[in-house]
Amino acid sequence: MADERSKVTDDTDEVGLVEKAFLVGLGAATMAKEKAQELAEDLVARGKMSRDQSEGFVNRLLDRTSQAAGTMGFASKKDLDAMHEELTEMKALIASLRPMNETPKEP
């Protein structure tokens, strides 16, 4: 019985680790978008490009960043969405294996 609990705890720890990695990647993508928008706003403020040009600039910059990340082996949004779905399913499965009176361990 102790071995089974140890296995569930180990699985929970691994799921937590993958979930944290997912969130770090999501945070990095969000930061890249914000920085691209800040750069575009700065260029507009300095008169180096129009507001319309800045929107295209941000989109092109994000596309190039996404392509570069893909060639480096980083996960795409589609990959991350699929992984998130799998994590949700794994968490539900782990929760269903837990005894009713046991509470989940906080990360």
PDB file of N, CA and C in Angstrom:
ATOM      1  N   MET A   1       0.829  -1.192   0.000  1.00  0.00           N
ATOM      2  CA  MET A   1       0.000   0.000   0.000  1.00  0.00           C
ATOM      3  C   MET A   1       0.873   1.256   0.000  1.00  0.00           C
ATOM      4  N   ALA A   2       1.966   1.221   0.785  1.00  0.00           N
ATOM      5  CA  ALA A   2       2.864   2.382   0.837  1.00  0.00           C
ATOM      6  C   ALA A   2       3.496   2.621  -0.520  1.00  0.00           C
ATOM      7  N   ASP A   3       3.806   1.524  -1.241  1.00  0.00           N
ATOM      8  CA  ASP A   3       4.393   1.672  -2.571  1.00  0.00           C
ATOM      9  C   ASP A   3       3.434   2.364  -3.526  1.00  0.00           C
ATOM     10  N   GLU A   4       2.139   2.034  -3.436  1.00  0.00           N
ATOM     11  CA  GLU A   4       1.136   2.657  -4.294  1.00  0.00           C
ATOM     12  C   GLU A   4       1.028   4.149  -3.996  1.00  0.00           C
ATOM     13  N   ARG A   5       1.039   4.510  -2.726  1.00  0.00           N
ATOM     14  CA  ARG A   5       0.971   5.938  -2.366  1.00  0.00           C
ATOM     15  C   ARG A   5       2.209   6.670  -2.846  1.00  0.00           C
ATOM     16  N   SER A   6       3.358   6.027  -2.709  1.00  0.00           N
ATOM     17  CA  SER A   6       4.598   6.629  -3.177  1.00  0.00           C
ATOM     18  C   SER A   6       4.536   6.864  -4.683  1.00  0.00           C
ATOM     19  N   LYS A   7       3.986   5.914  -5.423  1.00  0.00           N
ATOM     20  CA  LYS A   7       3.851   6.027  -6.880  1.00  0.00           C
ATOM     21  C   LYS A   7       2.928   7.185  -7.239  1.00  0.00           C
ATOM     22  N   VAL A   8       1.796   7.306  -6.540  1.00  0.00           N
ATOM     23  CA  VAL A   8       0.862   8.403  -6.813  1.00  0.00           C
ATOM     24  C   VAL A   8       1.529   9.738  -6.521  1.00  0.00           C
ATOM     25  N   THR A   9       2.276   9.821  -5.400  1.00  0.00           N
ATOM     26  CA  THR A   9       2.975  11.060  -5.056  1.00  0.00           C
ATOM     27  C   THR A   9       4.013  11.387  -6.115  1.00  0.00           C
ATOM     28  N   ASP A  10       4.773  10.383  -6.574  1.00  0.00           N
ATOM     29  CA  ASP A  10       5.774  10.611  -7.622  1.00  0.00           C
ATOM     30  C   ASP A  10       5.112  11.104  -8.900  1.00  0.00           C
ATOM     31  N   ASP A  11       3.987  10.492  -9.276  1.00  0.00           N
ATOM     32  CA  ASP A  11       3.264  10.911 -10.474  1.00  0.00           C
ATOM     33  C   ASP A  11       2.775  12.342 -10.335  1.00  0.00           C
ATOM     34  N   THR A  12       2.259  12.671  -9.149  1.00  0.00           N
ATOM     35  CA  THR A  12       1.766  14.019  -8.905  1.00  0.00           C
ATOM     36  C   THR A  12       2.904  15.025  -9.024  1.00  0.00           C
ATOM     37  N   ASP A  13       4.079  14.679  -8.485  1.00  0.00           N
ATOM     38  CA  ASP A  13       5.243  15.556  -8.576  1.00  0.00           C
ATOM     39  C   ASP A  13       5.643  15.780 -10.035  1.00  0.00           C
ATOM     40  N   GLU A  14       5.624  14.717 -10.836  1.00  0.00           N
ATOM     41  CA  GLU A  14       5.985  14.827 -12.248  1.00  0.00           C
ATOM     42  C   GLU A  14       4.986  15.687 -13.007  1.00  0.00           C
ATOM     43  N   VAL A  15       3.701  15.503 -12.721  1.00  0.00           N
ATOM     44  CA  VAL A  15       2.675  16.315 -13.374  1.00  0.00           C
ATOM     45  C   VAL A  15       2.874  17.778 -13.000  1.00  0.00           C
ATOM     46  N   GLY A  16       3.151  18.042 -11.733  1.00  0.00           N
ATOM     47  CA  GLY A  16       3.399  19.409 -11.280  1.00  0.00           C
ATOM     48  C   GLY A  16       4.587  20.025 -11.981  1.00  0.00           C
ATOM     49  N   LEU A  17       5.628  19.246 -12.189  1.00  0.00           N
ATOM     50  CA  LEU A  17       6.826  19.736 -12.867  1.00  0.00           C
ATOM     51  C   LEU A  17       6.527  20.076 -14.326  1.00  0.00           C
ATOM     52  N   VAL A  18       5.798  19.206 -15.014  1.00  0.00           N
ATOM     53  CA  VAL A  18       5.441  19.455 -16.411  1.00  0.00           C
ATOM     54  C   VAL A  18       4.537  20.674 -16.504  1.00  0.00           C
ATOM     55  N   GLU A  19       3.602  20.779 -15.556  1.00  0.00           N
ATOM     56  CA  GLU A  19       2.684  21.915 -15.550  1.00  0.00           C
ATOM     57  C   GLU A  19       3.460  23.222 -15.347  1.00  0.00           C
ATOM     58  N   LYS A  20       4.446  23.221 -14.458  1.00  0.00           N
ATOM     59  CA  LYS A  20       5.265  24.416 -14.225  1.00  0.00           C
ATOM     60  C   LYS A  20       6.065  24.778 -15.484  1.00  0.00           C
ATOM     61  N   ALA A  21       6.606  23.768 -16.159  1.00  0.00           N
ATOM     62  CA  ALA A  21       7.346  24.021 -17.396  1.00  0.00           C
ATOM     63  C   ALA A  21       6.437  24.635 -18.450  1.00  0.00           C
ATOM     64  N   PHE A  22       5.215  24.127 -18.526  1.00  0.00           N
ATOM     65  CA  PHE A  22       4.220  24.669 -19.453  1.00  0.00           C
ATOM     66  C   PHE A  22       3.966  26.137 -19.148  1.00  0.00           C
ATOM     67  N   LEU A  23       3.778  26.466 -17.878  1.00  0.00           N
ATOM     68  CA  LEU A  23       3.490  27.841 -17.480  1.00  0.00           C
ATOM     69  C   LEU A  23       4.679  28.769 -17.734  1.00  0.00           C
ATOM     70  N   VAL A  24       5.895  28.270 -17.568  1.00  0.00           N
ATOM     71  CA  VAL A  24       7.086  29.069 -17.861  1.00  0.00           C
ATOM     72  C   VAL A  24       7.125  29.407 -19.345  1.00  0.00           C
ATOM     73  N   GLY A  25       6.851  28.420 -20.188  1.00  0.00           N
ATOM     74  CA  GLY A  25       6.814  28.663 -21.640  1.00  0.00           C
ATOM     75  C   GLY A  25       5.742  29.655 -22.022  1.00  0.00           C
ATOM     76  N   LEU A  26       4.600  29.526 -21.403  1.00  0.00           N
ATOM     77  CA  LEU A  26       3.502  30.446 -21.664  1.00  0.00           C
ATOM     78  C   LEU A  26       3.877  31.861 -21.240  1.00  0.00           C
ATOM     79  N   GLY A  27       4.532  31.984 -20.106  1.00  0.00           N
ATOM     80  CA  GLY A  27       4.985  33.293 -19.631  1.00  0.00           C
ATOM     81  C   GLY A  27       6.002  33.921 -20.567  1.00  0.00           C
ATOM     82  N   ALA A  28       6.914  33.112 -21.085  1.00  0.00           N
ATOM     83  CA  ALA A  28       7.927  33.623 -22.015  1.00  0.00           C
ATOM     84  C   ALA A  28       7.277  34.121 -23.303  1.00  0.00           C
ATOM     85  N   ALA A  29       6.295  33.383 -23.800  1.00  0.00           N
ATOM     86  CA  ALA A  29       5.597  33.804 -25.020  1.00  0.00           C
ATOM     87  C   ALA A  29       4.849  35.109 -24.790  1.00  0.00           C
ATOM     88  N   THR A  30       4.214  35.226 -23.650  1.00  0.00           N
ATOM     89  CA  THR A  30       3.485  36.453 -23.316  1.00  0.00           C
ATOM     90  C   THR A  30       4.444  37.631 -23.218  1.00  0.00           C
ATOM     91  N   MET A  31       5.592  37.411 -22.596  1.00  0.00           N
ATOM     92  CA  MET A  31       6.574  38.481 -22.449  1.00  0.00           C
ATOM     93  C   MET A  31       7.116  38.906 -23.819  1.00  0.00           C
ATOM     94  N   ALA A  32       7.356  37.963 -24.710  1.00  0.00           N
ATOM     95  CA  ALA A  32       7.859  38.292 -26.049  1.00  0.00           C
ATOM     96  C   ALA A  32       6.852  39.171 -26.786  1.00  0.00           C
ATOM     97  N   LYS A  33       5.584  38.841 -26.678  1.00  0.00           N
ATOM     98  CA  LYS A  33       4.545  39.632 -27.344  1.00  0.00           C
ATOM     99  C   LYS A  33       4.500  41.038 -26.756  1.00  0.00           C
ATOM    100  N   GLU A  34       4.559  41.136 -25.432  1.00  0.00           N
ATOM    101  CA  GLU A  34       4.519  42.454 -24.782  1.00  0.00           C
ATOM    102  C   GLU A  34       5.718  43.298 -25.194  1.00  0.00           C
ATOM    103  N   LYS A  35       6.888  42.689 -25.255  1.00  0.00           N
ATOM    104  CA  LYS A  35       8.106  43.429 -25.638  1.00  0.00           C
ATOM    105  C   LYS A  35       8.020  43.887 -27.091  1.00  0.00           C
ATOM    106  N   ALA A  36       7.482  43.045 -27.960  1.00  0.00           N
ATOM    107  CA  ALA A  36       7.318  43.421 -29.369  1.00  0.00           C
ATOM    108  C   ALA A  36       6.368  44.610 -29.487  1.00  0.00           C
ATOM    109  N   GLN A  37       5.294  44.581 -28.714  1.00  0.00           N
ATOM    110  CA  GLN A  37       4.337  45.683 -28.741  1.00  0.00           C
ATOM    111  C   GLN A  37       4.956  46.970 -28.187  1.00  0.00           C
ATOM    112  N   GLU A  38       5.747  46.853 -27.120  1.00  0.00           N
ATOM    113  CA  GLU A  38       6.429  48.026 -26.560  1.00  0.00           C
ATOM    114  C   GLU A  38       7.386  48.634 -27.578  1.00  0.00           C
ATOM    115  N   LEU A  39       8.137  47.782 -28.282  1.00  0.00           N
ATOM    116  CA  LEU A  39       9.071  48.265 -29.295  1.00  0.00           C
ATOM    117  C   LEU A  39       8.320  48.991 -30.403  1.00  0.00           C
ATOM    118  N   ALA A  40       7.219  48.414 -30.851  1.00  0.00           N
ATOM    119  CA  ALA A  40       6.422  49.038 -31.911  1.00  0.00           C
ATOM    120  C   ALA A  40       5.873  50.387 -31.443  1.00  0.00           C
ATOM    121  N   GLU A  41       5.372  50.446 -30.210  1.00  0.00           N
ATOM    122  CA  GLU A  41       4.844  51.698 -29.678  1.00  0.00           C
ATOM    123  C   GLU A  41       5.934  52.766 -29.594  1.00  0.00           C
ATOM    124  N   ASP A  42       7.121  52.348 -29.228  1.00  0.00           N
ATOM    125  CA  ASP A  42       8.249  53.283 -29.160  1.00  0.00           C
ATOM    126  C   ASP A  42       8.589  53.822 -30.552  1.00  0.00           C
ATOM    127  N   LEU A  43       8.593  52.951 -31.540  1.00  0.00           N
ATOM    128  CA  LEU A  43       8.890  53.382 -32.915  1.00  0.00           C
ATOM    129  C   LEU A  43       7.808  54.329 -33.441  1.00  0.00           C
ATOM    130  N   VAL A  44       6.555  54.070 -33.082  1.00  0.00           N
ATOM    131  CA  VAL A  44       5.462  54.966 -33.481  1.00  0.00           C
ATOM    132  C   VAL A  44       5.651  56.322 -32.804  1.00  0.00           C
ATOM    133  N   ALA A  45       5.969  56.298 -31.511  1.00  0.00           N
ATOM    134  CA  ALA A  45       6.152  57.543 -30.756  1.00  0.00           C
ATOM    135  C   ALA A  45       7.298  58.376 -31.317  1.00  0.00           C
ATOM    136  N   ARG A  46       8.331  57.726 -31.834  1.00  0.00           N
ATOM    137  CA  ARG A  46       9.474  58.449 -32.413  1.00  0.00           C
ATOM    138  C   ARG A  46       9.254  58.809 -33.873  1.00  0.00           C
ATOM    139  N   GLY A  47       8.088  58.446 -34.405  1.00  0.00           N
ATOM    140  CA  GLY A  47       7.781  58.792 -35.783  1.00  0.00           C
ATOM    141  C   GLY A  47       8.467  57.921 -36.815  1.00  0.00           C
ATOM    142  N   LYS A  48       8.972  56.779 -36.402  1.00  0.00           N
ATOM    143  CA  LYS A  48       9.686  55.882 -37.318  1.00  0.00           C
ATOM    144  C   LYS A  48       8.743  54.973 -38.098  1.00  0.00           C
ATOM    145  N   MET A  49       7.510  54.827 -37.600  1.00  0.00           N
ATOM    146  CA  MET A  49       6.504  54.044 -38.329  1.00  0.00           C
ATOM    147  C   MET A  49       5.116  54.482 -37.892  1.00  0.00           C
ATOM    148  N   SER A  50       4.135  54.201 -38.745  1.00  0.00           N
ATOM    149  CA  SER A  50       2.748  54.566 -38.434  1.00  0.00           C
ATOM    150  C   SER A  50       2.123  53.489 -37.547  1.00  0.00           C
ATOM    151  N   ARG A  51       0.963  53.796 -37.005  1.00  0.00           N
ATOM    152  CA  ARG A  51       0.228  52.839 -36.166  1.00  0.00           C
ATOM    153  C   ARG A  51      -0.121  51.586 -36.983  1.00  0.00           C
ATOM    154  N   ASP A  52      -0.550  51.777 -38.233  1.00  0.00           N
ATOM    155  CA  ASP A  52      -0.870  50.627 -39.096  1.00  0.00           C
ATOM    156  C   ASP A  52       0.360  49.766 -39.344  1.00  0.00           C
ATOM    157  N   GLN A  53       1.487  50.411 -39.597  1.00  0.00           N
ATOM    158  CA  GLN A  53       2.730  49.662 -39.833  1.00  0.00           C
ATOM    159  C   GLN A  53       3.147  48.892 -38.586  1.00  0.00           C
ATOM    160  N   SER A  54       2.885  49.468 -37.421  1.00  0.00           N
ATOM    161  CA  SER A  54       3.313  48.823 -36.178  1.00  0.00           C
ATOM    162  C   SER A  54       2.587  47.491 -35.953  1.00  0.00           C
ATOM    163  N   GLU A  55       1.311  47.420 -36.352  1.00  0.00           N
ATOM    164  CA  GLU A  55       0.575  46.168 -36.190  1.00  0.00           C
ATOM    165  C   GLU A  55       1.183  45.058 -37.031  1.00  0.00           C
ATOM    166  N   GLY A  56       1.502  45.378 -38.293  1.00  0.00           N
ATOM    167  CA  GLY A  56       2.153  44.404 -39.159  1.00  0.00           C
ATOM    168  C   GLY A  56       3.535  44.029 -38.648  1.00  0.00           C
ATOM    169  N   PHE A  57       4.246  45.026 -38.118  1.00  0.00           N
ATOM    170  CA  PHE A  57       5.579  44.805 -37.567  1.00  0.00           C
ATOM    171  C   PHE A  57       5.525  43.800 -36.409  1.00  0.00           C
ATOM    172  N   VAL A  58       4.586  44.005 -35.488  1.00  0.00           N
ATOM    173  CA  VAL A  58       4.460  43.103 -34.340  1.00  0.00           C
ATOM    174  C   VAL A  58       4.120  41.695 -34.817  1.00  0.00           C
ATOM    175  N   ASN A  59       3.190  41.580 -35.749  1.00  0.00           N
ATOM    176  CA  ASN A  59       2.811  40.256 -36.267  1.00  0.00           C
ATOM    177  C   ASN A  59       3.982  39.550 -36.939  1.00  0.00           C
ATOM    178  N   ARG A  60       4.746  40.291 -37.755  1.00  0.00           N
ATOM    179  CA  ARG A  60       5.916  39.693 -38.422  1.00  0.00           C
ATOM    180  C   ARG A  60       6.968  39.270 -37.408  1.00  0.00           C
ATOM    181  N   LEU A  61       7.190  40.101 -36.410  1.00  0.00           N
ATOM    182  CA  LEU A  61       8.181  39.790 -35.381  1.00  0.00           C
ATOM    183  C   LEU A  61       7.773  38.543 -34.600  1.00  0.00           C
ATOM    184  N   LEU A  62       6.506  38.448 -34.252  1.00  0.00           N
ATOM    185  CA  LEU A  62       6.024  37.273 -33.527  1.00  0.00           C
ATOM    186  C   LEU A  62       6.073  36.021 -34.391  1.00  0.00           C
ATOM    187  N   ASP A  63       5.764  36.158 -35.688  1.00  0.00           N
ATOM    188  CA  ASP A  63       5.860  35.009 -36.599  1.00  0.00           C
ATOM    189  C   ASP A  63       7.298  34.511 -36.697  1.00  0.00           C
ATOM    190  N   ARG A  64       8.234  35.440 -36.826  1.00  0.00           N
ATOM    191  CA  ARG A  64       9.656  35.052 -36.917  1.00  0.00           C
ATOM    192  C   ARG A  64      10.126  34.401 -35.623  1.00  0.00           C
ATOM    193  N   THR A  65       9.676  34.945 -34.503  1.00  0.00           N
ATOM    194  CA  THR A  65      10.038  34.361 -33.207  1.00  0.00           C
ATOM    195  C   THR A  65       9.489  32.951 -33.093  1.00  0.00           C
ATOM    196  N   SER A  66       8.256  32.775 -33.530  1.00  0.00           N
ATOM    197  CA  SER A  66       7.623  31.463 -33.489  1.00  0.00           C
ATOM    198  C   SER A  66       8.365  30.469 -34.385  1.00  0.00           C
ATOM    199  N   GLN A  67       8.749  30.921 -35.579  1.00  0.00           N
ATOM    200  CA  GLN A  67       9.487  30.050 -36.500  1.00  0.00           C
ATOM    201  C   GLN A  67      10.848  29.682 -35.916  1.00  0.00           C
ATOM    202  N   ALA A  68      11.523  30.654 -35.326  1.00  0.00           N
ATOM    203  CA  ALA A  68      12.833  30.388 -34.727  1.00  0.00           C
ATOM    204  C   ALA A  68      12.704  29.406 -33.576  1.00  0.00           C
ATOM    205  N   ALA A  69      11.682  29.586 -32.767  1.00  0.00           N
ATOM    206  CA  ALA A  69      11.455  28.677 -31.639  1.00  0.00           C
ATOM    207  C   ALA A  69      11.169  27.266 -32.143  1.00  0.00           C
ATOM    208  N   GLY A  70      10.433  27.163 -33.236  1.00  0.00           N
ATOM    209  CA  GLY A  70      10.125  25.854 -33.811  1.00  0.00           C
ATOM    210  C   GLY A  70      11.367  25.143 -34.315  1.00  0.00           C
ATOM    211  N   THR A  71      12.268  25.879 -34.945  1.00  0.00           N
ATOM    212  CA  THR A  71      13.490  25.252 -35.455  1.00  0.00           C
ATOM    213  C   THR A  71      14.432  24.858 -34.325  1.00  0.00           C
ATOM    214  N   MET A  72      14.255  25.484 -33.169  1.00  0.00           N
ATOM    215  CA  MET A  72      15.092  25.152 -32.013  1.00  0.00           C
ATOM    216  C   MET A  72      14.482  24.018 -31.190  1.00  0.00           C
ATOM    217  N   GLY A  73      13.316  23.538 -31.624  1.00  0.00           N
ATOM    218  CA  GLY A  73      12.686  22.426 -30.934  1.00  0.00           C
ATOM    219  C   GLY A  73      11.735  22.834 -29.828  1.00  0.00           C
ATOM    220  N   PHE A  74      11.410  24.112 -29.734  1.00  0.00           N
ATOM    221  CA  PHE A  74      10.451  24.557 -28.732  1.00  0.00           C
ATOM    222  C   PHE A  74       9.044  24.179 -29.175  1.00  0.00           C
ATOM    223  N   ALA A  75       8.166  24.024 -28.210  1.00  0.00           N
ATOM    224  CA  ALA A  75       6.790  23.646 -28.494  1.00  0.00           C
ATOM    225  C   ALA A  75       6.011  24.826 -29.069  1.00  0.00           C
ATOM    226  N   SER A  76       5.122  24.516 -30.003  1.00  0.00           N
ATOM    227  CA  SER A  76       4.226  25.530 -30.562  1.00  0.00           C
ATOM    228  C   SER A  76       3.005  25.666 -29.658  1.00  0.00           C
ATOM    229  N   LYS A  77       2.168  26.652 -29.927  1.00  0.00           N
ATOM    230  CA  LYS A  77       0.932  26.821 -29.155  1.00  0.00           C
ATOM    231  C   LYS A  77       0.068  25.574 -29.289  1.00  0.00           C
ATOM    232  N   LYS A  78       0.027  25.016 -30.495  1.00  0.00           N
ATOM    233  CA  LYS A  78      -0.755  23.797 -30.718  1.00  0.00           C
ATOM    234  C   LYS A  78      -0.214  22.662 -29.850  1.00  0.00           C
ATOM    235  N   ASP A  79       1.122  22.540 -29.789  1.00  0.00           N
ATOM    236  CA  ASP A  79       1.740  21.519 -28.949  1.00  0.00           C
ATOM    237  C   ASP A  79       1.400  21.743 -27.485  1.00  0.00           C
ATOM    238  N   LEU A  80       1.493  22.999 -27.051  1.00  0.00           N
ATOM    239  CA  LEU A  80       1.210  23.324 -25.650  1.00  0.00           C
ATOM    240  C   LEU A  80      -0.252  23.082 -25.305  1.00  0.00           C
ATOM    241  N   ASP A  81      -1.155  23.402 -26.217  1.00  0.00           N
ATOM    242  CA  ASP A  81      -2.571  23.149 -25.985  1.00  0.00           C
ATOM    243  C   ASP A  81      -2.834  21.651 -25.835  1.00  0.00           C
ATOM    244  N   ALA A  82      -2.200  20.846 -26.691  1.00  0.00           N
ATOM    245  CA  ALA A  82      -2.363  19.393 -26.618  1.00  0.00           C
ATOM    246  C   ALA A  82      -1.797  18.861 -25.300  1.00  0.00           C
ATOM    247  N   MET A  83      -0.641  19.400 -24.901  1.00  0.00           N
ATOM    248  CA  MET A  83      -0.033  18.965 -23.647  1.00  0.00           C
ATOM    249  C   MET A  83      -0.906  19.368 -22.458  1.00  0.00           C
ATOM    250  N   HIS A  84      -1.488  20.552 -22.522  1.00  0.00           N
ATOM    251  CA  HIS A  84      -2.363  20.999 -21.445  1.00  0.00           C
ATOM    252  C   HIS A  84      -3.571  20.066 -21.308  1.00  0.00           C
ATOM    253  N   GLU A  85      -4.131  19.674 -22.443  1.00  0.00           N
ATOM    254  CA  GLU A  85      -5.263  18.752 -22.431  1.00  0.00           C
ATOM    255  C   GLU A  85      -4.867  17.411 -21.816  1.00  0.00           C
ATOM    256  N   GLU A  86      -3.697  16.915 -22.188  1.00  0.00           N
ATOM    257  CA  GLU A  86      -3.210  15.657 -21.631  1.00  0.00           C
ATOM    258  C   GLU A  86      -2.975  15.781 -20.133  1.00  0.00           C
ATOM    259  N   LEU A  87      -2.402  16.914 -19.700  1.00  0.00           N
ATOM    260  CA  LEU A  87      -2.166  17.128 -18.274  1.00  0.00           C
ATOM    261  C   LEU A  87      -3.472  17.131 -17.489  1.00  0.00           C
ATOM    262  N   THR A  88      -4.475  17.764 -18.042  1.00  0.00           N
ATOM    263  CA  THR A  88      -5.779  17.808 -17.385  1.00  0.00           C
ATOM    264  C   THR A  88      -6.320  16.388 -17.213  1.00  0.00           C
ATOM    265  N   GLU A  89      -6.188  15.582 -18.253  1.00  0.00           N
ATOM    266  CA  GLU A  89      -6.647  14.195 -18.185  1.00  0.00           C
ATOM    267  C   GLU A  89      -5.835  13.405 -17.157  1.00  0.00           C
ATOM    268  N   MET A  90      -4.514  13.613 -17.128  1.00  0.00           N
ATOM    269  CA  MET A  90      -3.660  12.904 -16.185  1.00  0.00           C
ATOM    270  C   MET A  90      -3.992  13.287 -14.743  1.00  0.00           C
ATOM    271  N   LYS A  91      -4.241  14.573 -14.515  1.00  0.00           N
ATOM    272  CA  LYS A  91      -4.588  15.022 -13.171  1.00  0.00           C
ATOM    273  C   LYS A  91      -5.901  14.393 -12.712  1.00  0.00           C
ATOM    274  N   ALA A  92      -6.854  14.300 -13.615  1.00  0.00           N
ATOM    275  CA  ALA A  92      -8.137  13.679 -13.275  1.00  0.00           C
ATOM    276  C   ALA A  92      -7.938  12.194 -12.955  1.00  0.00           C
ATOM    277  N   LEU A  93      -7.096  11.526 -13.721  1.00  0.00           N
ATOM    278  CA  LEU A  93      -6.827  10.105 -13.487  1.00  0.00           C
ATOM    279  C   LEU A  93      -6.140   9.918 -12.140  1.00  0.00           C
ATOM    280  N   ILE A  94      -5.146  10.738 -11.856  1.00  0.00           N
ATOM    281  CA  ILE A  94      -4.435  10.642 -10.577  1.00  0.00           C
ATOM    282  C   ILE A  94      -5.391  10.902  -9.423  1.00  0.00           C
ATOM    283  N   ALA A  95      -6.241  11.899  -9.565  1.00  0.00           N
ATOM    284  CA  ALA A  95      -7.218  12.209  -8.515  1.00  0.00           C
ATOM    285  C   ALA A  95      -8.169  11.036  -8.297  1.00  0.00           C
ATOM    286  N   SER A  96      -8.525  10.345  -9.372  1.00  0.00           N
ATOM    287  CA  SER A  96      -9.449   9.213  -9.232  1.00  0.00           C
ATOM    288  C   SER A  96      -8.782   8.021  -8.538  1.00  0.00           C
ATOM    289  N   LEU A  97      -7.457   7.951  -8.567  1.00  0.00           N
ATOM    290  CA  LEU A  97      -6.725   6.859  -7.925  1.00  0.00           C
ATOM    291  C   LEU A  97      -6.471   7.133  -6.448  1.00  0.00           C
ATOM    292  N   ARG A  98      -6.608   8.372  -6.043  1.00  0.00           N
ATOM    293  CA  ARG A  98      -6.346   8.781  -4.674  1.00  0.00           C
ATOM    294  C   ARG A  98      -7.483   8.313  -3.764  1.00  0.00           C
ATOM    295  N   PRO A  99      -7.150   7.825  -2.569  1.00  0.00           N
ATOM    296  CA  PRO A  99      -8.221   7.475  -1.617  1.00  0.00           C
ATOM    297  C   PRO A  99      -9.054   8.717  -1.291  1.00  0.00           C
ATOM    298  N   MET A 100     -10.313   8.528  -0.992  1.00  0.00           N
ATOM    299  CA  MET A 100     -11.247   9.632  -0.768  1.00  0.00           C
ATOM    300  C   MET A 100     -10.791  10.570   0.335  1.00  0.00           C
ATOM    301  N   ASN A 101     -10.145  10.072   1.397  1.00  0.00           N
ATOM    302  CA  ASN A 101      -9.780  10.917   2.528  1.00  0.00           C
ATOM    303  C   ASN A 101      -8.409  11.574   2.393  1.00  0.00           C
ATOM    304  N   GLU A 102      -7.675  11.265   1.346  1.00  0.00           N
ATOM    305  CA  GLU A 102      -6.338  11.833   1.143  1.00  0.00           C
ATOM    306  C   GLU A 102      -6.440  13.138   0.365  1.00  0.00           C
ATOM    307  N   THR A 103      -5.752  14.156   0.843  1.00  0.00           N
ATOM    308  CA  THR A 103      -5.749  15.443   0.130  1.00  0.00           C
ATOM    309  C   THR A 103      -4.493  15.544  -0.714  1.00  0.00           C
ATOM    310  N   PRO A 104      -4.566  16.236  -1.848  1.00  0.00           N
ATOM    311  CA  PRO A 104      -3.396  16.349  -2.719  1.00  0.00           C
ATOM    312  C   PRO A 104      -2.290  17.149  -2.055  1.00  0.00           C
ATOM    313  N   LYS A 105      -1.051  16.771  -2.367  1.00  0.00           N
ATOM    314  CA  LYS A 105       0.127  17.452  -1.849  1.00  0.00           C
ATOM    315  C   LYS A 105       0.315  18.753  -2.609  1.00  0.00           C
ATOM    316  N   GLU A 106       0.540  19.843  -1.900  1.00  0.00           N
ATOM    317  CA  GLU A 106       0.767  21.155  -2.517  1.00  0.00           C
ATOM    318  C   GLU A 106       2.173  21.210  -3.098  1.00  0.00           C
ATOM    319  N   PRO A 107       2.341  21.796  -4.281  1.00  0.00           N
ATOM    320  CA  PRO A 107       3.695  21.888  -4.878  1.00  0.00           C
ATOM    321  C   PRO A 107       4.573  22.850  -4.131  1.00  0.00           C
TER     322      PRO A 107
END
